[in-house]
Amino acid sequence: MTQSPVLREDSAADAVPRLVVRTTEIHDRVDLLQTLATTEATAWVRRGAGFVGHGEAVRLDVSGPDRFEVAVRWWSAVVGTAAVRDEVGVPGTGLVAFGSFAFADEPGQSSLVVPRVLLGRRNGRTWLTTVTVEPALPGVPSLDTLGTAVPPPRPPRDVAFADGALSGTEWVGAVADAVRRIGAHELDKVVLARDLLAVAGEPLDLRWPLRRLAERYPACWTYAVRGLIGATPELLVRLDNGLVTSRVLAGTIRRSDDDAHDLALAASLARSSKDLEEHEYAVRSVADALAPHCSSVNVPESPFVLHLPNVMHLATDLAGVLTDSSTSLQLAAALHPSAAVCGTPTPVALRLIAELERMDRGRYAGPVGWMDATGNGEWGIALRCAQLDPDDPTRLRLYAGCGIVADSVPEAELAEAQAKLVPIRDALDS
């Protein structure tokens, strides 16, 4: 197999490869996640629809405060030189890139990946896209190209968990410090995350947790990009032929094992002044960021309660009509970081996060998703996730965060963070 070109920001403008792309509709009934490759797999799947990519035709790695701008320019250049034969012609066919971006300006690396082979499904239609670098020519797409005879995923063995940057007690202290700063009117809200280290007895097969996440959390977007895996309930932005939508989550309560009690918990969440305040900050930040790019942004008067297997969230779906030439990635850049994953005011919250968390978030809470050549795409927020150690395939770092406001109780926030770690922890059970 030929090595795919990997470009970094210092060379992105100098050497854009010319890609040859072909998309053909297929009529096989295929479980997308069943086709995942053992290595270099990318995925964006919800309720059985979405994409699975194999290999890398080309990849851009970028870092720093201008990571989004560099990625946008690079993608525009790749699209401008590509030769595309698209026999399907819907959002997500033809040339498609998967992306995952660092939360912070520094440190952290972000990537855009164009798979060699992509299997997609949308609105009952299924297609296969092949990508080669000129002068090679793409073969006739077939499911055999995916290597569907890959061995079944291996369950993790001997997984042990350990505290990350902070112990539970230390993190409670950090939350208490944040509440004190909010009480002193330094800021209104901050989102504090904690990490957990998982170490297995042998290299991890990421297909195992990905399939379990998709099965247990079908309402979430299950994703995989360059060793970052997860199932996010929060859609940062979707652009679909001029329609812009975003789902904002902020305000959380842990579910019980009793349906009747859960209804009472949902009602209490919907009335909670603390959670409603946290949610309002997040919704306002997204609406304000979309306003320069959209007309008629619809913001519902009150949130609804989103029920997930482990927790319930206050949720608001916003919608608008695009009025400029922004791509979905440019909209994601305009929205990041929202108050849902950072806080408000943003500059103050970012400084407090760096001070109190004492860790590198990496790509946790950054945009993750896909984009096609026309700019259509979906970008979620990388939540309920884990990052594989690039130097040690037996190690995963898990992340979860909580929004802190004036009425936050540190011990309750720790319980909430632990509840948010449940999906990815359980996905590692054998």
Protein backbone atom coordinates (compact mmCIF):
# COMPACT_ATOMS: atom_id res chain seq x y z
CA MET A 1 0.00 0.00 0.00
CA THR A 2 1.35 3.42 -0.90
CA GLN A 3 1.88 5.92 1.87
CA SER A 4 -0.70 8.70 1.91
CA PRO A 5 0.57 12.28 1.77
CA VAL A 6 0.56 13.89 5.22
CA LEU A 7 0.87 17.66 5.12
CA ARG A 8 1.51 20.07 7.96
CA GLU A 9 0.55 23.70 8.16
CA ASP A 10 3.97 24.91 6.97
CA SER A 11 3.60 22.99 3.70
CA ALA A 12 -0.17 22.97 3.22
CA ALA A 13 -0.17 25.86 0.76
CA ASP A 14 2.78 24.52 -1.24
CA ALA A 15 1.88 20.94 -2.18
CA VAL A 16 -1.80 20.09 -2.47
CA PRO A 17 -2.17 16.67 -4.10
CA ARG A 18 -4.59 16.24 -6.99
CA LEU A 19 -7.18 13.67 -5.93
CA VAL A 20 -9.21 11.46 -8.24
CA VAL A 21 -12.58 10.64 -6.70
CA ARG A 22 -15.44 8.36 -7.71
CA THR A 23 -18.76 7.79 -5.92
CA THR A 24 -21.14 5.02 -6.96
CA GLU A 25 -24.48 4.03 -5.44
CA ILE A 26 -24.70 0.49 -4.09
CA HIS A 27 -27.75 -1.52 -3.10
CA ASP A 28 -26.31 -3.87 -0.49
CA ARG A 29 -27.71 -3.64 3.03
CA VAL A 30 -24.58 -2.96 5.07
CA ASP A 31 -24.04 -2.31 8.76
CA LEU A 32 -21.58 0.58 8.56
CA LEU A 33 -19.74 -0.19 11.78
CA GLN A 34 -19.38 -3.86 10.79
CA THR A 35 -17.06 -2.68 8.01
CA LEU A 36 -14.65 -0.80 10.28
CA ALA A 37 -11.00 -1.48 9.52
CA THR A 38 -8.60 -2.53 12.25
CA THR A 39 -6.38 0.52 11.58
CA GLU A 40 -6.83 4.05 10.20
CA ALA A 41 -10.60 3.85 10.64
CA THR A 42 -12.79 6.93 10.61
CA ALA A 43 -16.47 7.01 11.49
CA TRP A 44 -19.47 9.30 11.96
CA VAL A 45 -22.60 7.22 12.56
CA ARG A 46 -26.02 7.85 14.12
CA ARG A 47 -28.95 5.44 14.04
CA GLY A 48 -27.20 3.36 11.38
CA ALA A 49 -26.64 6.27 8.97
CA GLY A 50 -23.50 8.27 8.33
CA PHE A 51 -20.02 7.32 7.17
CA VAL A 52 -17.19 4.87 7.71
CA GLY A 53 -13.81 5.56 6.13
CA HIS A 54 -10.85 3.27 5.44
CA GLY A 55 -7.25 4.38 5.20
CA GLU A 56 -5.94 7.83 4.32
CA ALA A 57 -5.63 9.23 0.82
CA VAL A 58 -4.28 12.48 2.24
CA ARG A 59 -4.20 14.17 5.63
CA LEU A 60 -3.50 17.64 6.98
CA ASP A 61 -2.07 18.04 10.49
CA VAL A 62 -2.25 21.55 11.91
CA SER A 63 -1.95 23.31 15.27
CA GLY A 64 -2.09 26.77 16.77
CA PRO A 65 -4.60 29.62 16.91
CA ASP A 66 -5.02 29.66 13.11
CA ARG A 67 -5.71 25.91 12.82
CA PHE A 68 -9.22 26.44 11.46
CA GLU A 69 -8.15 29.04 8.90
CA VAL A 70 -5.32 26.85 7.63
CA ALA A 71 -7.65 23.85 7.37
CA VAL A 72 -10.25 25.88 5.47
CA ARG A 73 -7.66 27.11 2.96
CA TRP A 74 -6.20 23.65 2.52
CA TRP A 75 -9.58 22.06 1.94
CA SER A 76 -10.51 24.73 -0.58
CA ALA A 77 -7.28 24.00 -2.48
CA VAL A 78 -7.87 20.23 -2.37
CA VAL A 79 -11.42 20.67 -3.65
CA GLY A 80 -10.26 23.05 -6.37
CA THR A 81 -7.80 20.57 -7.87
CA ALA A 82 -9.75 17.31 -7.44
CA ALA A 83 -11.26 15.36 -10.33
CA VAL A 84 -14.61 14.05 -9.08
CA ARG A 85 -17.10 11.67 -10.65
CA ASP A 86 -20.13 11.63 -8.33
CA GLU A 87 -23.01 9.44 -9.50
CA VAL A 88 -25.15 10.08 -6.40
CA GLY A 89 -24.98 13.82 -5.78
CA VAL A 90 -26.26 14.28 -2.22
CA PRO A 91 -24.53 15.86 0.79
CA GLY A 92 -21.71 13.55 1.81
CA THR A 93 -20.97 12.07 -1.62
CA GLY A 94 -17.96 12.89 -3.75
CA LEU A 95 -14.97 14.31 -1.90
CA VAL A 96 -15.37 14.14 1.91
CA ALA A 97 -12.99 14.89 4.79
CA PHE A 98 -13.25 13.88 8.42
CA GLY A 99 -11.89 16.34 10.96
CA SER A 100 -11.00 16.60 14.62
CA PHE A 101 -9.73 19.84 16.15
CA ALA A 102 -7.91 20.66 19.37
CA PHE A 103 -9.88 22.50 22.02
CA ALA A 104 -7.20 25.07 22.78
CA ASP A 105 -4.93 27.19 20.60
CA GLU A 106 -1.87 25.65 22.22
CA PRO A 107 -0.88 22.85 22.57
CA GLY A 108 -2.72 20.16 20.64
CA GLN A 109 -2.83 18.91 17.07
CA SER A 110 -5.81 18.99 14.71
CA SER A 111 -6.35 16.97 11.56
CA LEU A 112 -8.40 16.73 8.38
CA VAL A 113 -8.41 13.25 6.82
CA VAL A 114 -9.61 12.19 3.36
CA PRO A 115 -10.16 8.40 3.47
CA ARG A 116 -9.07 6.17 0.61
CA VAL A 117 -12.45 4.42 0.70
CA LEU A 118 -15.66 5.71 2.23
CA LEU A 119 -18.97 3.92 2.74
CA GLY A 120 -21.91 6.25 3.36
CA ARG A 121 -25.63 6.06 3.94
CA ARG A 122 -28.25 8.81 4.08
CA ASN A 123 -32.05 8.78 3.69
CA GLY A 124 -32.13 5.15 2.65
CA ARG A 125 -29.39 5.47 -0.01
CA THR A 126 -25.97 3.84 0.29
CA TRP A 127 -22.84 4.68 -1.67
CA LEU A 128 -19.16 3.90 -1.93
CA THR A 129 -16.46 6.49 -2.65
CA THR A 130 -12.88 5.70 -3.64
CA VAL A 131 -10.07 8.28 -3.62
CA THR A 132 -6.61 8.05 -5.13
CA VAL A 133 -3.79 10.52 -5.64
CA GLU A 134 -3.04 11.32 -9.28
CA PRO A 135 -1.66 9.71 -11.42
CA ALA A 136 -3.33 6.61 -9.92
CA LEU A 137 -6.92 6.00 -10.96
CA PRO A 138 -9.70 4.82 -8.64
CA GLY A 139 -10.97 1.33 -9.25
CA VAL A 140 -14.62 0.46 -9.66
CA PRO A 141 -16.10 0.76 -6.14
CA SER A 142 -17.21 -2.49 -4.51
CA LEU A 143 -17.74 -3.70 -0.99
CA ASP A 144 -14.73 -5.97 -1.45
CA THR A 145 -12.62 -2.80 -1.45
CA LEU A 146 -13.52 -2.34 2.20
CA GLY A 147 -12.03 -5.63 3.24
CA THR A 148 -15.27 -6.78 4.84
CA ALA A 149 -13.58 -10.01 5.85
CA VAL A 150 -11.69 -8.25 8.64
CA PRO A 151 -11.56 -10.25 11.87
CA PRO A 152 -14.16 -9.48 14.55
CA PRO A 153 -13.19 -6.83 17.09
CA ARG A 154 -11.21 -8.01 20.08
CA PRO A 155 -12.67 -7.23 23.50
CA PRO A 156 -10.36 -5.25 25.79
CA ARG A 157 -8.40 -7.31 28.29
CA ASP A 158 -7.49 -6.47 31.89
CA VAL A 159 -8.51 -2.80 31.72
CA ALA A 160 -7.55 -0.81 34.81
CA PHE A 161 -8.52 2.79 35.52
CA ALA A 162 -6.52 5.46 37.32
CA ASP A 163 -6.90 9.17 38.06
CA GLY A 164 -5.55 11.52 35.44
CA ALA A 165 -4.22 15.00 36.16
CA LEU A 166 -6.32 15.39 39.32
CA SER A 167 -7.78 12.98 41.85
CA GLY A 168 -11.48 13.26 42.64
CA THR A 169 -10.70 15.20 45.81
CA GLU A 170 -8.38 17.58 43.98
CA TRP A 171 -10.97 18.15 41.26
CA VAL A 172 -13.63 18.97 43.86
CA GLY A 173 -11.20 21.57 45.19
CA ALA A 174 -10.80 23.02 41.69
CA VAL A 175 -14.57 23.29 41.33
CA ALA A 176 -14.81 25.02 44.71
CA ASP A 177 -12.17 27.51 43.56
CA ALA A 178 -14.16 28.15 40.38
CA VAL A 179 -17.36 28.74 42.35
CA ARG A 180 -15.48 31.23 44.52
CA ARG A 181 -14.22 33.09 41.42
CA ILE A 182 -17.73 33.20 40.00
CA GLY A 183 -19.02 34.53 43.33
CA ALA A 184 -16.37 37.25 43.13
CA HIS A 185 -17.81 38.23 39.70
CA GLU A 186 -14.66 37.31 37.77
CA LEU A 187 -16.86 35.35 35.33
CA ASP A 188 -20.36 33.91 34.98
CA LYS A 189 -19.66 30.29 34.08
CA VAL A 190 -16.74 27.93 33.47
CA VAL A 191 -16.69 24.34 32.25
CA LEU A 192 -14.18 22.19 34.09
CA ALA A 193 -13.15 18.79 32.75
CA ARG A 194 -11.36 15.89 34.37
CA ASP A 195 -9.52 13.01 32.78
CA LEU A 196 -9.23 9.34 33.62
CA LEU A 197 -6.56 6.94 32.39
CA ALA A 198 -7.46 3.46 31.13
CA VAL A 199 -4.67 0.90 30.66
CA ALA A 200 -5.33 -2.46 29.02
CA GLY A 201 -3.33 -5.68 29.09
CA GLU A 202 -2.84 -5.62 25.30
CA PRO A 203 -3.24 -3.11 22.45
CA LEU A 204 -6.82 -1.88 22.24
CA ASP A 205 -9.05 -2.65 19.28
CA LEU A 206 -11.08 0.57 19.04
CA ARG A 207 -13.78 -1.13 16.99
CA TRP A 208 -15.04 -2.82 20.17
CA PRO A 209 -15.89 0.35 22.13
CA LEU A 210 -17.17 2.09 18.97
CA ARG A 211 -19.72 -0.62 18.29
CA ARG A 212 -20.85 -0.70 21.90
CA LEU A 213 -21.26 3.07 21.99
CA ALA A 214 -23.35 3.00 18.82
CA GLU A 215 -25.54 0.19 20.16
CA ARG A 216 -26.12 1.77 23.58
CA TYR A 217 -26.40 5.41 22.53
CA PRO A 218 -28.14 5.37 19.12
CA ALA A 219 -29.35 8.99 19.54
CA CYS A 220 -25.73 10.18 19.79
CA TRP A 221 -23.21 10.66 16.98
CA THR A 222 -20.58 7.91 17.29
CA TYR A 223 -17.26 9.07 15.88
CA ALA A 224 -13.66 8.03 15.29
CA VAL A 225 -10.92 10.26 13.90
CA ARG A 226 -7.22 9.48 14.34
CA GLY A 227 -7.54 7.61 17.62
CA LEU A 228 -10.21 9.87 19.12
CA ILE A 229 -13.42 7.90 19.72
CA GLY A 230 -16.69 8.73 21.40
CA ALA A 231 -20.44 9.21 21.17
CA THR A 232 -21.51 12.83 21.45
CA PRO A 233 -25.07 13.98 22.11
CA GLU A 234 -24.20 17.56 21.13
CA LEU A 235 -24.23 18.74 17.51
CA LEU A 236 -22.21 21.94 17.26
CA VAL A 237 -23.46 22.73 13.76
CA ARG A 238 -24.94 21.10 10.68
CA LEU A 239 -25.03 22.75 7.25
CA ASP A 240 -27.34 21.06 4.77
CA ASN A 241 -27.85 22.99 1.52
CA GLY A 242 -28.17 26.35 3.28
CA LEU A 243 -30.04 25.22 6.40
CA VAL A 244 -28.00 25.68 9.59
CA THR A 245 -28.91 23.76 12.76
CA SER A 246 -27.27 23.33 16.15
CA ARG A 247 -28.14 21.36 19.28
CA VAL A 248 -27.04 22.90 22.57
CA LEU A 249 -26.78 20.83 25.75
CA ALA A 250 -26.10 22.28 29.18
CA GLY A 251 -27.62 21.24 32.49
CA THR A 252 -27.44 17.58 33.48
CA ILE A 253 -28.98 15.17 35.94
CA ARG A 254 -28.10 11.51 36.45
CA ARG A 255 -30.77 8.92 35.68
CA SER A 256 -31.99 6.31 38.13
CA ASP A 257 -33.10 2.74 37.44
CA ASP A 258 -36.77 3.66 37.85
CA ASP A 259 -38.74 5.19 34.97
CA ALA A 260 -41.26 6.92 37.22
CA HIS A 261 -38.50 8.46 39.29
CA ASP A 262 -36.72 9.56 36.11
CA LEU A 263 -39.82 11.52 35.08
CA ALA A 264 -39.69 13.34 38.40
CA LEU A 265 -35.97 13.97 37.92
CA ALA A 266 -36.63 15.35 34.44
CA ALA A 267 -39.24 17.73 35.83
CA SER A 268 -36.83 18.92 38.51
CA LEU A 269 -34.13 19.48 35.90
CA ALA A 270 -36.53 21.56 33.78
CA ARG A 271 -37.25 23.75 36.85
CA SER A 272 -33.69 23.98 38.21
CA SER A 273 -32.57 27.61 38.33
CA LYS A 274 -28.92 26.53 38.41
CA ASP A 275 -29.25 24.33 35.31
CA LEU A 276 -31.47 26.81 33.45
CA GLU A 277 -28.88 29.55 34.07
CA GLU A 278 -26.07 27.32 32.78
CA HIS A 279 -28.16 26.40 29.73
CA GLU A 280 -29.05 30.01 28.93
CA TYR A 281 -25.38 31.00 28.77
CA ALA A 282 -24.71 28.17 26.29
CA VAL A 283 -27.70 28.93 24.06
CA ARG A 284 -26.92 32.65 23.98
CA SER A 285 -23.31 32.04 22.96
CA VAL A 286 -24.36 29.84 20.01
CA ALA A 287 -27.12 32.20 18.87
CA ASP A 288 -24.75 35.19 19.00
CA ALA A 289 -22.09 33.32 17.00
CA LEU A 290 -24.55 32.22 14.31
CA ALA A 291 -26.22 35.63 13.91
CA PRO A 292 -23.56 37.16 11.58
CA HIS A 293 -23.87 34.17 9.22
CA CYS A 294 -27.60 33.45 9.28
CA SER A 295 -30.99 35.03 8.92
CA SER A 296 -34.05 34.15 10.95
CA VAL A 297 -32.21 32.25 13.68
CA ASN A 298 -34.93 30.40 15.55
CA VAL A 299 -34.25 30.08 19.30
CA PRO A 300 -36.98 28.26 21.25
CA GLU A 301 -38.19 30.03 24.39
CA SER A 302 -37.40 27.09 26.66
CA PRO A 303 -35.30 23.91 26.46
CA PHE A 304 -36.53 20.34 26.34
CA VAL A 305 -35.16 17.42 28.36
CA LEU A 306 -33.07 15.00 26.31
CA HIS A 307 -33.18 11.48 27.79
CA LEU A 308 -30.04 9.37 27.34
CA PRO A 309 -29.42 5.95 28.92
CA ASN A 310 -27.20 7.34 31.68
CA VAL A 311 -28.13 11.02 32.09
CA MET A 312 -30.68 13.65 31.07
CA HIS A 313 -29.75 17.04 29.63
CA LEU A 314 -31.48 20.33 29.05
CA ALA A 315 -31.38 20.73 25.26
CA THR A 316 -32.23 23.42 22.71
CA ASP A 317 -32.27 23.03 18.92
CA LEU A 318 -31.48 26.23 17.02
CA ALA A 319 -32.00 26.75 13.28
CA GLY A 320 -31.25 29.45 10.73
CA VAL A 321 -30.73 30.10 7.03
CA LEU A 322 -27.16 30.71 5.80
CA THR A 323 -26.70 34.19 4.32
CA ASP A 324 -22.99 34.08 3.41
CA SER A 325 -20.58 31.62 1.81
CA SER A 326 -19.41 29.97 5.03
CA THR A 327 -18.72 26.25 4.98
CA SER A 328 -19.76 23.98 7.83
CA LEU A 329 -16.16 24.05 9.10
CA GLN A 330 -16.12 27.85 9.11
CA LEU A 331 -19.36 27.85 11.09
CA ALA A 332 -17.88 25.36 13.56
CA ALA A 333 -14.84 27.62 13.94
CA ALA A 334 -17.11 30.61 14.61
CA LEU A 335 -18.97 28.66 17.30
CA HIS A 336 -15.93 27.19 19.05
CA PRO A 337 -15.58 27.31 21.97
CA SER A 338 -19.21 27.75 23.01
CA ALA A 339 -20.22 28.41 26.59
CA ALA A 340 -21.38 24.77 26.76
CA VAL A 341 -17.75 23.56 26.80
CA CYS A 342 -15.85 26.65 27.90
CA GLY A 343 -17.81 29.25 29.86
CA THR A 344 -18.47 32.96 29.72
CA PRO A 345 -16.87 35.41 29.22
CA THR A 346 -14.82 33.15 26.96
CA PRO A 347 -11.32 34.67 27.49
CA VAL A 348 -11.67 34.56 31.27
CA ALA A 349 -13.06 31.03 31.22
CA LEU A 350 -10.23 29.81 28.99
CA ARG A 351 -7.61 31.18 31.37
CA LEU A 352 -9.33 29.59 34.38
CA ILE A 353 -9.59 26.22 32.60
CA ALA A 354 -5.84 26.25 31.92
CA GLU A 355 -5.16 27.17 35.56
CA LEU A 356 -7.50 24.75 37.33
CA GLU A 357 -7.63 21.63 35.16
CA ARG A 358 -3.85 21.16 35.01
CA MET A 359 -4.04 19.03 31.87
CA ASP A 360 -4.04 19.30 28.10
CA ARG A 361 -7.57 18.68 26.82
CA GLY A 362 -6.20 17.67 23.45
CA ARG A 363 -9.14 17.24 21.10
CA TYR A 364 -11.67 16.74 23.89
CA ALA A 365 -14.50 19.32 23.56
CA GLY A 366 -13.21 20.42 20.15
CA PRO A 367 -15.16 20.13 16.88
CA VAL A 368 -15.28 16.64 15.34
CA GLY A 369 -17.16 15.64 12.20
CA TRP A 370 -17.14 15.75 8.42
CA MET A 371 -17.43 18.10 5.45
CA ASP A 372 -17.93 17.61 1.72
CA ALA A 373 -16.68 19.60 -1.26
CA THR A 374 -19.70 21.94 -1.27
CA GLY A 375 -19.23 22.88 2.39
CA ASN A 376 -22.11 20.79 3.70
CA GLY A 377 -21.28 18.81 6.81
CA GLU A 378 -21.88 17.99 10.45
CA TRP A 379 -19.62 18.95 13.34
CA GLY A 380 -20.24 17.66 16.82
CA ILE A 381 -18.47 18.51 20.05
CA ALA A 382 -16.04 15.76 21.05
CA LEU A 383 -17.71 14.71 24.30
CA ARG A 384 -18.10 11.31 26.00
CA CYS A 385 -14.80 10.46 24.40
CA ALA A 386 -11.40 8.83 24.79
CA GLN A 387 -8.09 9.46 23.04
CA LEU A 388 -5.71 6.60 22.25
CA ASP A 389 -2.11 7.28 23.25
CA PRO A 390 -0.24 7.56 19.91
CA ASP A 391 2.87 6.08 21.53
CA ASP A 392 1.18 3.29 23.50
CA PRO A 393 -1.87 1.50 22.05
CA THR A 394 -2.72 -0.02 25.43
CA ARG A 395 -3.53 3.40 26.94
CA LEU A 396 -6.64 5.55 26.56
CA ARG A 397 -7.37 8.89 28.18
CA LEU A 398 -11.05 9.47 28.99
CA TYR A 399 -12.61 12.92 29.46
CA ALA A 400 -15.76 14.45 30.94
CA GLY A 401 -16.68 17.98 32.00
CA CYS A 402 -19.28 19.95 33.93
CA GLY A 403 -20.58 23.49 33.69
CA ILE A 404 -19.88 25.45 36.87
CA VAL A 405 -22.03 28.43 37.88
CA ALA A 406 -22.57 30.31 41.13
CA ASP A 407 -24.94 27.70 42.61
CA SER A 408 -22.79 24.69 41.75
CA VAL A 409 -22.06 22.20 44.55
CA PRO A 410 -18.56 20.73 44.04
CA GLU A 411 -19.41 17.21 45.26
CA ALA A 412 -22.49 17.12 43.01
CA GLU A 413 -20.37 18.20 40.04
CA LEU A 414 -17.97 15.32 40.70
CA ALA A 415 -20.92 12.90 40.66
CA GLU A 416 -22.06 14.43 37.37
CA ALA A 417 -18.59 14.05 35.84
CA GLN A 418 -18.48 10.42 36.92
CA ALA A 419 -21.89 9.84 35.31
CA LYS A 420 -20.63 11.35 32.05
CA LEU A 421 -17.65 8.96 32.10
CA VAL A 422 -19.96 5.93 32.29
CA PRO A 423 -20.57 5.54 28.51
CA ILE A 424 -16.93 5.28 27.55
CA ARG A 425 -15.99 3.25 30.65
CA ASP A 426 -18.76 0.73 30.00
CA ALA A 427 -17.78 0.53 26.33
CA LEU A 428 -14.43 -0.87 27.45
CA ASP A 429 -16.05 -3.77 29.31
CA SER A 430 -15.39 -7.14 27.77
